[in-house]
Amino acid sequence: MSILVINSGSTSIKYKLFADDEEEIKQGNIVNVSDHQAALKQVLRGVGGLQDLTAVGHRVVHGGHKFFKPLLIDENNFSELEQFNNLAPLHNPYNLAGIKAAREYLPRIKQVAVFDTAFYADLPEISRLYALPKEISEKYKIYRYGFHLEESAGLLKTEINKVNLIICHLGGGWSITAIKNGRPIDTSMGLTPLEGLVMMTRAGDIDPGIIFKLLEEMPGEINKEKLAMVYDLLNKQSGIKGLAGVSDFQELLKMVSLGNLEANLAFDLAINHLVKYIGAYWAELEGKARAIVFTGAVGAGNPMTRNRVMKKITCLGKLPMLAIAANEELMIAREVKELIKF
């Protein structure tokens, strides 16, 4: 028996096939995807023999206010999931495109959605709530949900319910989480993955008044098209891309090394925002963080980013630093295995 894990993004589909003992059998990454159905067909050809396939696990970033635990997909709940696409426009529509294609090609195989938001389902109210009128938050389900799959405590060789960590997940999206006694107590992303740190194409924290100013100053009437334009600006044209003109972090680091002024400004600004969050979470953990953990393609990749951060937080003392390559697919496989009990 085996589990296939699909991580379907806007222009790529990463996949891994796991045996029931969690051994990785095959893995791959289809890039430059424009047709998810055709791309999934390519994935299945790459996987080969599927006679032992028990289930397919899918990463889904946002489960809205309704879905947190791993979900066995059927026609009804798939339609419900589509309602949350606007909360994670860079992720959910493409996550669901992968599910739709897999259901078509593998109609008799269980399809399971595993949500990034699950890890943050029990955030304390002081971290979960926005300072809005209670009736507004409840009516429109406006809460901080949190994103990114985390698996770092086990690598410290300590009991999960005793570990305090500050986890910096840096990839295309950047987020930071404070972990106390093995559970998240605060996180930088919010209702959507737009809030928080400066990211590759996302603005992160900004004065909400900027949105109103953009709507007033940009040409044209305030309508759905203009709202979509501002939303696109903040999600896809801002962050490091907006400051330095590049959306590839490795390219940014090359530009920084060559002394490019715009690249250095973008890099320093992103690091500065991250350091401010680290300081805040250090205080929330009462100075008892066991380590700073860097994960994600950027966080666990080129050490230049980690080194710059650690240099700026020497005031916190000799805090251990870990770089851990993310294996989100293995985590998803474990969740699927637990749900279907094989």
Protein backbone atom coordinates (compact mmCIF):
# COMPACT_ATOMS: atom_id res chain seq x y z
CA MET A 1 0.00 0.00 0.00
CA SER A 2 1.20 3.52 -0.76
CA ILE A 3 0.22 7.20 -0.46
CA LEU A 4 0.79 9.76 -3.20
CA VAL A 5 1.16 13.34 -1.99
CA ILE A 6 0.41 16.21 -4.35
CA ASN A 7 1.48 19.80 -3.66
CA SER A 8 -0.18 21.67 -6.50
CA GLY A 9 0.87 25.28 -6.99
CA SER A 10 0.14 27.94 -9.56
CA THR A 11 2.90 26.91 -11.98
CA SER A 12 4.25 23.67 -10.52
CA ILE A 13 3.16 20.35 -9.05
CA LYS A 14 5.47 18.67 -6.56
CA TYR A 15 4.77 15.05 -5.71
CA LYS A 16 6.11 12.26 -3.54
CA LEU A 17 5.07 8.63 -3.28
CA PHE A 18 5.43 6.99 0.15
CA ALA A 19 5.26 3.36 1.20
CA ASP A 20 3.23 2.51 4.31
CA ASP A 21 6.44 2.58 6.37
CA GLU A 22 6.98 6.22 5.23
CA GLU A 23 9.83 5.30 2.92
CA GLU A 24 9.95 7.70 -0.01
CA ILE A 25 9.59 5.68 -3.20
CA LYS A 26 9.47 8.38 -5.86
CA GLN A 27 9.39 12.15 -6.08
CA GLY A 28 9.34 14.82 -8.71
CA ASN A 29 8.40 18.36 -9.63
CA ILE A 30 6.52 19.36 -12.77
CA VAL A 31 7.28 23.01 -13.60
CA ASN A 32 5.82 25.61 -15.94
CA VAL A 33 2.35 24.21 -15.42
CA SER A 34 -0.44 25.91 -17.34
CA ASP A 35 -2.87 22.98 -17.44
CA HIS A 36 -3.16 21.17 -14.10
CA GLN A 37 -5.09 18.29 -15.58
CA ALA A 38 -2.37 17.60 -18.15
CA ALA A 39 0.32 18.10 -15.51
CA LEU A 40 -1.28 15.58 -13.16
CA LYS A 41 -1.40 13.08 -15.99
CA GLN A 42 2.34 13.63 -16.31
CA VAL A 43 2.72 13.06 -12.56
CA LEU A 44 0.89 9.73 -12.76
CA ARG A 45 3.08 8.63 -15.66
CA GLY A 46 6.12 9.48 -13.56
CA VAL A 47 4.81 7.54 -10.58
CA GLY A 48 4.16 4.46 -12.68
CA GLY A 49 2.40 1.41 -11.22
CA LEU A 50 -0.53 2.55 -9.10
CA GLN A 51 -1.97 -0.85 -8.20
CA ASP A 52 -0.93 -0.43 -4.55
CA LEU A 53 -2.09 3.18 -4.26
CA THR A 54 -4.41 3.63 -1.26
CA ALA A 55 -4.92 7.38 -1.15
CA VAL A 56 -3.79 10.73 -2.50
CA GLY A 57 -3.03 13.51 -0.03
CA HIS A 58 -3.27 17.13 -1.16
CA ARG A 59 -1.88 20.26 0.43
CA VAL A 60 -4.61 22.89 0.77
CA VAL A 61 -3.49 26.18 2.27
CA HIS A 62 -6.75 27.61 3.59
CA GLY A 63 -9.70 25.70 5.01
CA GLY A 64 -11.53 28.87 5.99
CA HIS A 65 -13.49 28.86 9.23
CA LYS A 66 -14.80 25.34 8.63
CA PHE A 67 -12.03 22.89 7.72
CA PHE A 68 -8.99 22.25 9.88
CA LYS A 69 -8.62 18.49 10.24
CA PRO A 70 -7.67 16.29 7.26
CA LEU A 71 -10.71 15.93 5.05
CA LEU A 72 -11.84 13.03 2.88
CA ILE A 73 -12.97 14.82 -0.26
CA ASP A 74 -16.42 14.33 -1.78
CA GLU A 75 -18.49 16.43 -4.18
CA ASN A 76 -20.17 18.45 -1.43
CA ASN A 77 -17.16 19.46 0.61
CA PHE A 78 -15.11 20.14 -2.53
CA SER A 79 -17.70 22.76 -3.49
CA GLU A 80 -17.47 24.22 0.02
CA LEU A 81 -13.69 24.46 -0.25
CA GLU A 82 -14.01 26.51 -3.41
CA GLN A 83 -15.69 29.24 -1.36
CA PHE A 84 -12.38 29.96 0.39
CA ASN A 85 -10.31 30.49 -2.76
CA ASN A 86 -10.38 34.27 -2.29
CA LEU A 87 -8.69 33.94 1.12
CA ALA A 88 -5.55 32.42 -0.42
CA PRO A 89 -5.64 33.42 -4.09
CA LEU A 90 -2.03 32.42 -4.74
CA HIS A 91 -2.62 28.91 -3.40
CA ASN A 92 -6.12 27.53 -2.96
CA PRO A 93 -7.37 27.69 -6.56
CA TYR A 94 -4.32 25.70 -7.68
CA ASN A 95 -4.48 23.30 -4.72
CA LEU A 96 -8.06 22.52 -5.71
CA ALA A 97 -7.14 22.22 -9.39
CA GLY A 98 -4.83 19.36 -8.36
CA ILE A 99 -7.61 17.69 -6.39
CA LYS A 100 -10.06 18.04 -9.27
CA ALA A 101 -7.63 16.46 -11.73
CA ALA A 102 -6.75 13.63 -9.32
CA ARG A 103 -10.42 12.82 -8.73
CA GLU A 104 -10.97 12.60 -12.46
CA TYR A 105 -8.01 10.32 -13.17
CA LEU A 106 -8.27 8.27 -9.96
CA PRO A 107 -12.02 8.15 -9.23
CA ARG A 108 -11.83 5.09 -6.96
CA ILE A 109 -8.90 6.33 -4.86
CA LYS A 110 -9.48 8.26 -1.64
CA GLN A 111 -8.56 11.93 -1.96
CA VAL A 112 -7.62 13.72 1.28
CA ALA A 113 -7.09 17.45 1.82
CA VAL A 114 -4.60 18.46 4.53
CA PHE A 115 -4.73 22.11 5.58
CA ASP A 116 -1.92 24.51 6.48
CA THR A 117 -4.33 26.17 8.89
CA ALA A 118 -4.76 22.97 10.96
CA PHE A 119 -1.60 23.57 13.01
CA TYR A 120 -2.98 26.93 14.14
CA ALA A 121 -6.55 25.89 14.91
CA ASP A 122 -6.12 26.42 18.66
CA LEU A 123 -4.38 29.79 18.70
CA PRO A 124 -5.07 31.69 21.94
CA GLU A 125 -7.77 34.31 21.55
CA ILE A 126 -5.32 37.18 22.09
CA SER A 127 -3.48 36.02 18.96
CA ARG A 128 -6.50 34.80 17.00
CA LEU A 129 -8.71 37.86 17.29
CA TYR A 130 -8.49 41.20 15.51
CA ALA A 131 -9.54 44.36 17.36
CA LEU A 132 -12.79 44.62 15.44
CA PRO A 133 -16.34 44.69 16.79
CA LYS A 134 -17.14 41.16 17.92
CA GLU A 135 -20.29 40.94 15.82
CA ILE A 136 -18.31 41.83 12.67
CA SER A 137 -15.63 39.21 13.34
CA GLU A 138 -18.25 36.56 14.00
CA LYS A 139 -20.46 37.46 11.04
CA TYR A 140 -17.66 37.50 8.46
CA LYS A 141 -15.37 34.96 10.16
CA ILE A 142 -12.49 37.42 10.37
CA TYR A 143 -9.83 35.71 12.47
CA ARG A 144 -6.12 35.01 12.28
CA TYR A 145 -5.77 31.51 10.86
CA GLY A 146 -2.03 31.03 10.36
CA PHE A 147 -0.32 29.09 7.60
CA HIS A 148 2.58 26.76 6.79
CA LEU A 149 3.10 23.20 7.95
CA GLU A 150 5.63 22.90 10.75
CA GLU A 151 7.70 19.93 11.90
CA SER A 152 10.70 21.06 13.90
CA ALA A 153 10.30 20.01 17.53
CA GLY A 154 11.18 16.37 16.91
CA LEU A 155 14.59 17.31 15.59
CA LEU A 156 15.52 18.86 18.92
CA LYS A 157 15.28 15.41 20.53
CA THR A 158 12.95 16.69 23.22
CA GLU A 159 9.37 16.00 24.20
CA ILE A 160 7.05 17.88 21.90
CA ASN A 161 4.93 19.24 24.75
CA LYS A 162 7.94 20.86 26.43
CA VAL A 163 9.63 22.68 23.58
CA ASN A 164 9.57 26.45 22.97
CA LEU A 165 10.67 27.59 19.52
CA ILE A 166 10.64 30.53 17.16
CA ILE A 167 10.13 29.11 13.67
CA CYS A 168 10.93 31.21 10.60
CA HIS A 169 9.42 29.63 7.49
CA LEU A 170 10.98 31.46 4.55
CA GLY A 171 10.16 30.49 1.00
CA GLY A 172 7.94 32.19 -1.56
CA GLY A 173 5.85 33.17 1.44
CA TRP A 174 7.49 34.18 4.72
CA SER A 175 5.96 33.52 8.12
CA ILE A 176 7.09 33.25 11.71
CA THR A 177 5.51 31.32 14.56
CA ALA A 178 6.04 31.30 18.32
CA ILE A 179 5.76 27.78 19.76
CA LYS A 180 5.20 27.32 23.50
CA ASN A 181 5.11 23.83 24.98
CA GLY A 182 4.80 22.39 21.50
CA ARG A 183 1.81 24.49 20.41
CA PRO A 184 1.64 27.76 18.44
CA ILE A 185 0.74 30.80 20.52
CA ASP A 186 1.26 33.44 17.86
CA THR A 187 1.94 33.66 14.13
CA SER A 188 2.52 36.41 11.61
CA MET A 189 0.05 35.45 8.86
CA GLY A 190 -3.58 36.23 9.49
CA LEU A 191 -6.96 35.95 7.82
CA THR A 192 -4.98 35.42 4.63
CA PRO A 193 -1.31 34.67 3.87
CA LEU A 194 -0.86 38.36 2.97
CA GLU A 195 -0.34 39.61 6.54
CA GLY A 196 2.97 39.58 8.35
CA LEU A 197 6.51 39.57 7.02
CA VAL A 198 7.73 41.10 3.78
CA MET A 199 7.64 38.26 1.23
CA MET A 200 8.75 37.67 -2.34
CA THR A 201 5.67 39.26 -3.94
CA ARG A 202 3.45 40.04 -0.92
CA ALA A 203 3.60 43.33 0.96
CA GLY A 204 3.11 41.88 4.42
CA ASP A 205 2.10 44.28 7.21
CA ILE A 206 1.02 47.67 5.94
CA ASP A 207 -1.07 50.53 7.29
CA PRO A 208 -4.67 49.66 6.26
CA GLY A 209 -5.03 53.31 5.35
CA ILE A 210 -2.77 52.63 2.36
CA ILE A 211 -5.51 50.52 0.81
CA PHE A 212 -8.01 53.38 1.08
CA LYS A 213 -5.48 55.83 -0.34
CA LEU A 214 -4.78 53.54 -3.31
CA LEU A 215 -8.49 53.18 -3.98
CA GLU A 216 -8.91 56.96 -3.87
CA GLU A 217 -5.81 57.93 -5.86
CA MET A 218 -5.63 55.24 -8.55
CA PRO A 219 -7.59 56.14 -11.71
CA GLY A 220 -11.11 54.81 -12.19
CA GLU A 221 -14.18 54.27 -10.09
CA ILE A 222 -14.10 52.07 -6.99
CA ASN A 223 -15.59 48.84 -8.25
CA LYS A 224 -14.78 45.13 -8.24
CA GLU A 225 -12.14 45.55 -10.91
CA LYS A 226 -10.34 48.23 -8.94
CA LEU A 227 -10.54 46.17 -5.76
CA ALA A 228 -9.06 43.22 -7.64
CA MET A 229 -6.29 45.48 -8.96
CA VAL A 230 -5.28 46.59 -5.46
CA TYR A 231 -5.50 43.02 -4.16
CA ASP A 232 -3.27 41.87 -7.02
CA LEU A 233 -0.84 44.70 -6.29
CA LEU A 234 -0.46 43.69 -2.64
CA ASN A 235 -0.28 39.94 -3.34
CA LYS A 236 1.67 39.65 -6.57
CA GLN A 237 3.52 42.90 -7.28
CA SER A 238 4.80 43.99 -3.87
CA GLY A 239 7.30 42.70 -1.32
CA ILE A 240 10.83 42.07 -2.59
CA LYS A 241 9.59 42.09 -6.19
CA GLY A 242 8.11 45.53 -5.73
CA LEU A 243 11.26 46.92 -4.12
CA ALA A 244 13.96 45.24 -6.22
CA GLY A 245 12.18 44.07 -9.35
CA VAL A 246 12.95 40.36 -8.87
CA SER A 247 10.79 37.56 -7.50
CA ASP A 248 13.53 34.92 -7.27
CA PHE A 249 15.36 35.07 -3.95
CA GLN A 250 18.57 33.53 -5.28
CA GLU A 251 18.67 36.26 -7.92
CA LEU A 252 18.17 38.82 -5.17
CA LEU A 253 21.13 37.45 -3.20
CA LYS A 254 23.33 37.69 -6.31
CA MET A 255 22.29 41.30 -6.74
CA VAL A 256 23.00 41.98 -3.06
CA SER A 257 26.48 40.47 -3.41
CA LEU A 258 27.14 42.71 -6.42
CA GLY A 259 26.19 45.78 -4.41
CA ASN A 260 22.90 46.59 -6.15
CA LEU A 261 21.31 49.35 -4.04
CA GLU A 262 17.67 48.36 -4.63
CA ALA A 263 18.40 44.70 -3.88
CA ASN A 264 20.24 45.60 -0.68
CA LEU A 265 17.37 47.81 0.43
CA ALA A 266 14.81 45.05 -0.23
CA PHE A 267 16.94 42.47 1.58
CA ASP A 268 17.58 44.73 4.58
CA LEU A 269 13.91 45.72 4.81
CA ALA A 270 12.74 42.09 4.75
CA ILE A 271 15.31 41.11 7.39
CA ASN A 272 14.37 44.09 9.55
CA HIS A 273 10.70 43.07 9.59
CA LEU A 274 11.67 39.50 10.45
CA VAL A 275 13.94 40.62 13.30
CA LYS A 276 11.16 42.76 14.78
CA TYR A 277 8.86 39.74 14.87
CA ILE A 278 11.59 37.58 16.42
CA GLY A 279 12.00 40.14 19.19
CA ALA A 280 8.26 40.23 19.81
CA TYR A 281 7.98 36.44 19.95
CA TRP A 282 11.03 36.21 22.19
CA ALA A 283 9.16 38.44 24.63
CA GLU A 284 5.95 36.38 24.30
CA LEU A 285 7.95 33.27 25.18
CA GLU A 286 9.41 35.13 28.17
CA GLY A 287 12.94 34.66 26.86
CA LYS A 288 12.63 30.88 27.03
CA ALA A 289 12.89 29.92 23.37
CA ARG A 290 14.97 26.78 22.95
CA ALA A 291 16.10 27.71 19.45
CA ILE A 292 15.45 29.76 16.32
CA VAL A 293 14.47 27.43 13.49
CA PHE A 294 14.81 28.37 9.83
CA THR A 295 12.92 26.29 7.30
CA GLY A 296 11.57 26.64 3.77
CA ALA A 297 13.64 26.96 0.59
CA VAL A 298 15.09 30.33 1.65
CA GLY A 299 15.31 29.67 5.38
CA ALA A 300 17.12 26.35 5.03
CA GLY A 301 18.98 27.34 1.85
CA ASN A 302 21.75 29.87 1.35
CA PRO A 303 23.06 30.78 4.85
CA MET A 304 23.34 34.48 4.03
CA THR A 305 19.80 35.18 5.24
CA ARG A 306 20.16 33.20 8.48
CA ASN A 307 23.54 34.74 9.23
CA ARG A 308 22.21 38.28 8.76
CA VAL A 309 19.29 37.59 11.10
CA MET A 310 21.40 35.95 13.80
CA LYS A 311 23.88 38.82 13.70
CA LYS A 312 21.07 41.29 14.38
CA ILE A 313 19.67 39.38 17.38
CA THR A 314 22.85 38.85 19.39
CA CYS A 315 21.19 40.87 22.15
CA LEU A 316 19.03 37.81 22.85
CA GLY A 317 22.08 35.84 23.95
CA LYS A 318 23.49 32.59 22.59
CA LEU A 319 20.33 31.28 21.02
CA PRO A 320 20.84 28.02 19.07
CA MET A 321 19.99 28.19 15.39
CA LEU A 322 18.70 25.27 13.32
CA ALA A 323 18.25 25.06 9.55
CA ILE A 324 15.73 22.36 8.67
CA ALA A 325 14.71 21.47 5.14
CA ALA A 326 10.93 21.30 4.97
CA ASN A 327 9.31 17.97 4.13
CA GLU A 328 5.68 19.00 3.93
CA GLU A 329 4.84 15.99 1.78
CA LEU A 330 5.89 13.54 4.50
CA MET A 331 3.75 15.40 7.03
CA ILE A 332 0.78 15.22 4.68
CA ALA A 333 1.34 11.49 4.14
CA ARG A 334 1.28 10.94 7.91
CA GLU A 335 -1.97 12.86 8.26
CA VAL A 336 -3.55 10.85 5.43
CA LYS A 337 -2.35 7.59 6.94
CA GLU A 338 -3.87 8.52 10.30
CA LEU A 339 -7.19 9.47 8.72
CA ILE A 340 -7.67 6.33 6.67
CA LYS A 341 -6.08 4.05 9.31
CA PHE A 342 -4.01 1.71 7.19
